[in-house]
Amino acid sequence: MAIHMPRIIQARQILKRSLSNGGSTPASMDIPKGYFAIYVGEQEKKRFVVPVSILSEPRFQELLHQSEQEFGYNNPMGGITIPCSEDVFTDIASRFGAF
């Protein structure tokens, strides 16, 4: 019998792995406690700093799962990359008060 972890725990694990891959870069130094950086965009990536509270949102968890499928855990940018357009991301994030 398999035990399935809730998606929030999976999202936190993705975040931890991402931060461990590139968490000591100078860009990570300007992230306030309780926030994390992600990269969004189809061609050129834009960096966003969002609150960790967004990890509990089902729509954001879907984006994290897509990110895992497309990019895996070893991202060359040293952070989480979300595979959607900037407009879609800002719409989703603004609904949850991330901005």
N, C-alpha and C. Protein backbone atom coordinates (compact mmCIF):
# COMPACT_ATOMS: atom_id res chain seq x y z
N MET A 1 0.84 -1.18 0.00
CA MET A 1 0.00 0.00 0.00
C MET A 1 0.88 1.24 0.00
N ALA A 2 0.72 2.07 -0.96
CA ALA A 2 1.52 3.29 -1.08
C ALA A 2 0.86 4.43 -0.32
N ILE A 3 1.70 5.22 0.30
CA ILE A 3 1.20 6.42 0.98
C ILE A 3 1.49 7.60 0.08
N HIS A 4 0.45 8.35 -0.26
CA HIS A 4 0.61 9.51 -1.14
C HIS A 4 0.74 10.77 -0.30
N MET A 5 1.81 11.52 -0.55
CA MET A 5 2.00 12.77 0.17
C MET A 5 1.08 13.83 -0.41
N PRO A 6 0.58 14.68 0.44
CA PRO A 6 -0.22 15.80 -0.09
C PRO A 6 0.64 16.66 -1.02
N ARG A 7 -0.01 17.32 -1.95
CA ARG A 7 0.72 18.13 -2.94
C ARG A 7 1.52 19.24 -2.30
N ILE A 8 1.09 19.77 -1.15
CA ILE A 8 1.84 20.84 -0.50
C ILE A 8 3.21 20.35 -0.05
N ILE A 9 3.28 19.13 0.43
CA ILE A 9 4.57 18.58 0.83
C ILE A 9 5.46 18.39 -0.38
N GLN A 10 4.89 17.91 -1.48
CA GLN A 10 5.66 17.77 -2.71
C GLN A 10 6.16 19.12 -3.19
N ALA A 11 5.32 20.15 -3.10
CA ALA A 11 5.74 21.49 -3.52
C ALA A 11 6.90 21.99 -2.67
N ARG A 12 6.84 21.75 -1.39
CA ARG A 12 7.94 22.16 -0.51
C ARG A 12 9.22 21.42 -0.84
N GLN A 13 9.11 20.14 -1.16
CA GLN A 13 10.29 19.37 -1.52
C GLN A 13 10.91 19.90 -2.81
N ILE A 14 10.10 20.25 -3.78
CA ILE A 14 10.60 20.84 -5.02
C ILE A 14 11.34 22.12 -4.72
N LEU A 15 10.75 22.95 -3.86
CA LEU A 15 11.38 24.22 -3.49
C LEU A 15 12.70 23.97 -2.79
N LYS A 16 12.76 23.05 -1.85
CA LYS A 16 14.00 22.76 -1.14
C LYS A 16 15.08 22.28 -2.10
N ARG A 17 14.72 21.38 -3.02
CA ARG A 17 15.71 20.89 -3.99
C ARG A 17 16.21 22.01 -4.88
N SER A 18 15.31 22.88 -5.29
CA SER A 18 15.69 23.99 -6.14
C SER A 18 16.64 24.93 -5.41
N LEU A 19 16.32 25.23 -4.16
CA LEU A 19 17.16 26.14 -3.39
C LEU A 19 18.52 25.51 -3.09
N SER A 20 18.56 24.20 -2.89
CA SER A 20 19.83 23.55 -2.62
C SER A 20 20.72 23.52 -3.85
N ASN A 21 20.13 23.59 -5.04
CA ASN A 21 20.91 23.60 -6.28
C ASN A 21 21.53 24.97 -6.56
N GLY A 22 20.90 26.04 -6.13
CA GLY A 22 21.42 27.36 -6.46
C GLY A 22 21.17 28.39 -5.39
N GLY A 23 20.97 27.95 -4.16
CA GLY A 23 20.60 28.85 -3.09
C GLY A 23 21.70 29.76 -2.61
N SER A 24 22.95 29.55 -3.01
CA SER A 24 24.02 30.39 -2.51
C SER A 24 24.45 31.44 -3.53
N THR A 25 23.67 31.62 -4.57
CA THR A 25 24.01 32.60 -5.58
C THR A 25 23.72 33.99 -5.06
N PRO A 26 24.42 35.03 -5.54
CA PRO A 26 24.17 36.39 -5.09
C PRO A 26 22.72 36.83 -5.28
N ALA A 27 22.05 36.35 -6.32
CA ALA A 27 20.66 36.74 -6.56
C ALA A 27 19.74 36.27 -5.44
N SER A 28 20.11 35.17 -4.78
CA SER A 28 19.26 34.65 -3.71
C SER A 28 19.39 35.47 -2.44
N MET A 29 20.38 36.30 -2.34
CA MET A 29 20.59 37.08 -1.14
C MET A 29 19.52 38.16 -0.94
N ASP A 30 18.85 38.59 -1.98
CA ASP A 30 17.87 39.66 -1.86
C ASP A 30 16.44 39.15 -1.71
N ILE A 31 16.28 37.91 -1.31
CA ILE A 31 14.95 37.34 -1.13
C ILE A 31 14.60 37.40 0.35
N PRO A 32 13.51 38.09 0.69
CA PRO A 32 13.13 38.17 2.11
C PRO A 32 12.70 36.81 2.66
N LYS A 33 12.80 36.68 3.97
CA LYS A 33 12.34 35.45 4.62
C LYS A 33 10.86 35.25 4.34
N GLY A 34 10.49 34.02 4.03
CA GLY A 34 9.10 33.71 3.72
C GLY A 34 8.75 33.85 2.25
N TYR A 35 9.75 34.10 1.42
CA TYR A 35 9.56 34.25 -0.02
C TYR A 35 10.55 33.36 -0.75
N PHE A 36 10.31 33.15 -2.04
CA PHE A 36 11.27 32.44 -2.88
C PHE A 36 11.19 33.00 -4.29
N ALA A 37 12.27 32.76 -5.04
CA ALA A 37 12.34 33.28 -6.41
C ALA A 37 11.96 32.19 -7.39
N ILE A 38 11.25 32.59 -8.42
CA ILE A 38 10.93 31.70 -9.52
C ILE A 38 11.17 32.45 -10.82
N TYR A 39 11.34 31.69 -11.89
CA TYR A 39 11.55 32.26 -13.21
C TYR A 39 10.38 31.85 -14.09
N VAL A 40 9.83 32.82 -14.80
CA VAL A 40 8.63 32.60 -15.60
C VAL A 40 8.84 33.17 -16.99
N GLY A 41 8.31 32.48 -17.98
CA GLY A 41 8.35 32.98 -19.35
C GLY A 41 8.56 31.86 -20.33
N GLU A 42 8.17 32.12 -21.55
CA GLU A 42 8.29 31.09 -22.57
C GLU A 42 9.65 31.16 -23.26
N GLN A 43 10.08 32.33 -23.68
CA GLN A 43 11.38 32.47 -24.33
C GLN A 43 12.38 33.06 -23.34
N GLU A 44 12.17 34.30 -22.97
CA GLU A 44 13.03 34.96 -22.01
C GLU A 44 12.39 34.86 -20.64
N LYS A 45 13.16 34.44 -19.66
CA LYS A 45 12.63 34.23 -18.31
C LYS A 45 12.73 35.50 -17.48
N LYS A 46 11.65 35.78 -16.74
CA LYS A 46 11.62 36.92 -15.83
C LYS A 46 11.57 36.37 -14.41
N ARG A 47 12.33 36.99 -13.53
CA ARG A 47 12.41 36.54 -12.14
C ARG A 47 11.32 37.22 -11.30
N PHE A 48 10.61 36.41 -10.50
CA PHE A 48 9.61 36.91 -9.57
C PHE A 48 9.95 36.41 -8.17
N VAL A 49 9.69 37.21 -7.18
CA VAL A 49 9.84 36.80 -5.79
C VAL A 49 8.43 36.74 -5.21
N VAL A 50 8.03 35.55 -4.77
CA VAL A 50 6.66 35.33 -4.31
C VAL A 50 6.67 34.72 -2.92
N PRO A 51 5.59 34.92 -2.16
CA PRO A 51 5.53 34.35 -0.81
C PRO A 51 5.37 32.83 -0.84
N VAL A 52 5.92 32.16 0.16
CA VAL A 52 5.81 30.70 0.22
C VAL A 52 4.36 30.26 0.42
N SER A 53 3.50 31.15 0.87
CA SER A 53 2.09 30.80 1.06
C SER A 53 1.43 30.38 -0.25
N ILE A 54 1.99 30.80 -1.38
CA ILE A 54 1.43 30.43 -2.68
C ILE A 54 1.58 28.92 -2.94
N LEU A 55 2.48 28.27 -2.20
CA LEU A 55 2.69 26.83 -2.39
C LEU A 55 1.46 26.01 -2.04
N SER A 56 0.58 26.56 -1.23
CA SER A 56 -0.62 25.80 -0.83
C SER A 56 -1.76 25.92 -1.84
N GLU A 57 -1.59 26.74 -2.85
CA GLU A 57 -2.66 26.94 -3.84
C GLU A 57 -2.62 25.85 -4.91
N PRO A 58 -3.76 25.16 -5.13
CA PRO A 58 -3.79 24.05 -6.09
C PRO A 58 -3.33 24.44 -7.50
N ARG A 59 -3.69 25.60 -7.98
CA ARG A 59 -3.29 26.00 -9.34
C ARG A 59 -1.78 26.18 -9.42
N PHE A 60 -1.19 26.75 -8.37
CA PHE A 60 0.26 26.91 -8.36
C PHE A 60 0.95 25.54 -8.26
N GLN A 61 0.37 24.64 -7.50
CA GLN A 61 0.92 23.29 -7.40
C GLN A 61 0.92 22.59 -8.75
N GLU A 62 -0.11 22.85 -9.55
CA GLU A 62 -0.15 22.29 -10.91
C GLU A 62 1.02 22.84 -11.74
N LEU A 63 1.29 24.13 -11.59
CA LEU A 63 2.42 24.73 -12.32
C LEU A 63 3.74 24.12 -11.86
N LEU A 64 3.88 23.87 -10.56
CA LEU A 64 5.10 23.24 -10.05
C LEU A 64 5.26 21.83 -10.61
N HIS A 65 4.17 21.12 -10.71
CA HIS A 65 4.24 19.76 -11.27
C HIS A 65 4.66 19.81 -12.74
N GLN A 66 4.12 20.77 -13.49
CA GLN A 66 4.52 20.94 -14.88
C GLN A 66 6.01 21.29 -14.97
N SER A 67 6.46 22.13 -14.04
CA SER A 67 7.86 22.51 -14.00
C SER A 67 8.75 21.30 -13.76
N GLU A 68 8.34 20.46 -12.82
CA GLU A 68 9.09 19.25 -12.52
C GLU A 68 9.16 18.34 -13.75
N GLN A 69 8.05 18.20 -14.46
CA GLN A 69 8.01 17.34 -15.63
C GLN A 69 8.90 17.88 -16.76
N GLU A 70 8.89 19.19 -16.93
CA GLU A 70 9.63 19.79 -18.05
C GLU A 70 11.10 20.00 -17.75
N PHE A 71 11.41 20.46 -16.54
CA PHE A 71 12.78 20.86 -16.23
C PHE A 71 13.49 19.94 -15.23
N GLY A 72 12.74 19.16 -14.46
CA GLY A 72 13.36 18.33 -13.43
C GLY A 72 13.83 19.18 -12.27
N TYR A 73 14.68 18.60 -11.46
CA TYR A 73 15.14 19.30 -10.25
C TYR A 73 16.45 20.04 -10.46
N ASN A 74 17.25 19.66 -11.43
CA ASN A 74 18.54 20.29 -11.66
C ASN A 74 18.41 21.37 -12.73
N ASN A 75 17.93 22.52 -12.31
CA ASN A 75 17.70 23.62 -13.24
C ASN A 75 18.96 24.46 -13.37
N PRO A 76 19.44 24.73 -14.58
CA PRO A 76 20.66 25.51 -14.76
C PRO A 76 20.53 26.95 -14.27
N MET A 77 19.30 27.46 -14.11
CA MET A 77 19.13 28.82 -13.63
C MET A 77 19.23 28.88 -12.10
N GLY A 78 19.29 27.73 -11.44
CA GLY A 78 19.43 27.71 -10.00
C GLY A 78 18.15 28.03 -9.25
N GLY A 79 17.03 27.95 -9.89
CA GLY A 79 15.76 28.23 -9.24
C GLY A 79 14.64 27.49 -9.92
N ILE A 80 13.46 27.72 -9.46
CA ILE A 80 12.29 27.09 -10.05
C ILE A 80 11.90 27.86 -11.31
N THR A 81 11.71 27.15 -12.40
CA THR A 81 11.25 27.76 -13.64
C THR A 81 9.85 27.26 -13.92
N ILE A 82 8.92 28.18 -14.09
CA ILE A 82 7.53 27.84 -14.34
C ILE A 82 7.27 27.90 -15.85
N PRO A 83 6.80 26.81 -16.44
CA PRO A 83 6.61 26.76 -17.90
C PRO A 83 5.27 27.34 -18.34
N CYS A 84 5.13 28.64 -18.23
CA CYS A 84 3.93 29.31 -18.73
C CYS A 84 4.31 30.74 -19.10
N SER A 85 3.40 31.43 -19.74
CA SER A 85 3.68 32.81 -20.11
C SER A 85 3.66 33.70 -18.87
N GLU A 86 4.33 34.81 -18.97
CA GLU A 86 4.37 35.77 -17.87
C GLU A 86 2.97 36.26 -17.52
N ASP A 87 2.15 36.49 -18.52
CA ASP A 87 0.77 36.96 -18.30
C ASP A 87 -0.06 35.96 -17.51
N VAL A 88 0.05 34.70 -17.87
CA VAL A 88 -0.70 33.65 -17.16
C VAL A 88 -0.25 33.59 -15.71
N PHE A 89 1.07 33.62 -15.49
CA PHE A 89 1.59 33.54 -14.13
C PHE A 89 1.14 34.74 -13.29
N THR A 90 1.26 35.95 -13.83
CA THR A 90 0.88 37.12 -13.04
C THR A 90 -0.62 37.10 -12.73
N ASP A 91 -1.42 36.58 -13.63
CA ASP A 91 -2.85 36.45 -13.37
C ASP A 91 -3.09 35.48 -12.20
N ILE A 92 -2.46 34.33 -12.24
CA ILE A 92 -2.62 33.33 -11.19
C ILE A 92 -2.10 33.88 -9.85
N ALA A 93 -0.91 34.43 -9.87
CA ALA A 93 -0.29 34.92 -8.63
C ALA A 93 -1.07 36.08 -8.03
N SER A 94 -1.61 36.95 -8.84
CA SER A 94 -2.35 38.08 -8.30
C SER A 94 -3.66 37.65 -7.66
N ARG A 95 -4.23 36.56 -8.12
CA ARG A 95 -5.45 36.03 -7.51
C ARG A 95 -5.22 35.58 -6.07
N PHE A 96 -3.98 35.16 -5.79
CA PHE A 96 -3.65 34.66 -4.47
C PHE A 96 -2.90 35.68 -3.62
N GLY A 97 -2.87 36.91 -4.08
CA GLY A 97 -2.24 37.98 -3.31
C GLY A 97 -0.73 37.92 -3.27
N ALA A 98 -0.12 37.31 -4.28
CA ALA A 98 1.34 37.20 -4.30
C ALA A 98 2.02 38.52 -4.65
N PHE A 99 1.27 39.44 -5.24
CA PHE A 99 1.86 40.73 -5.62
C PHE A 99 1.17 41.85 -4.89
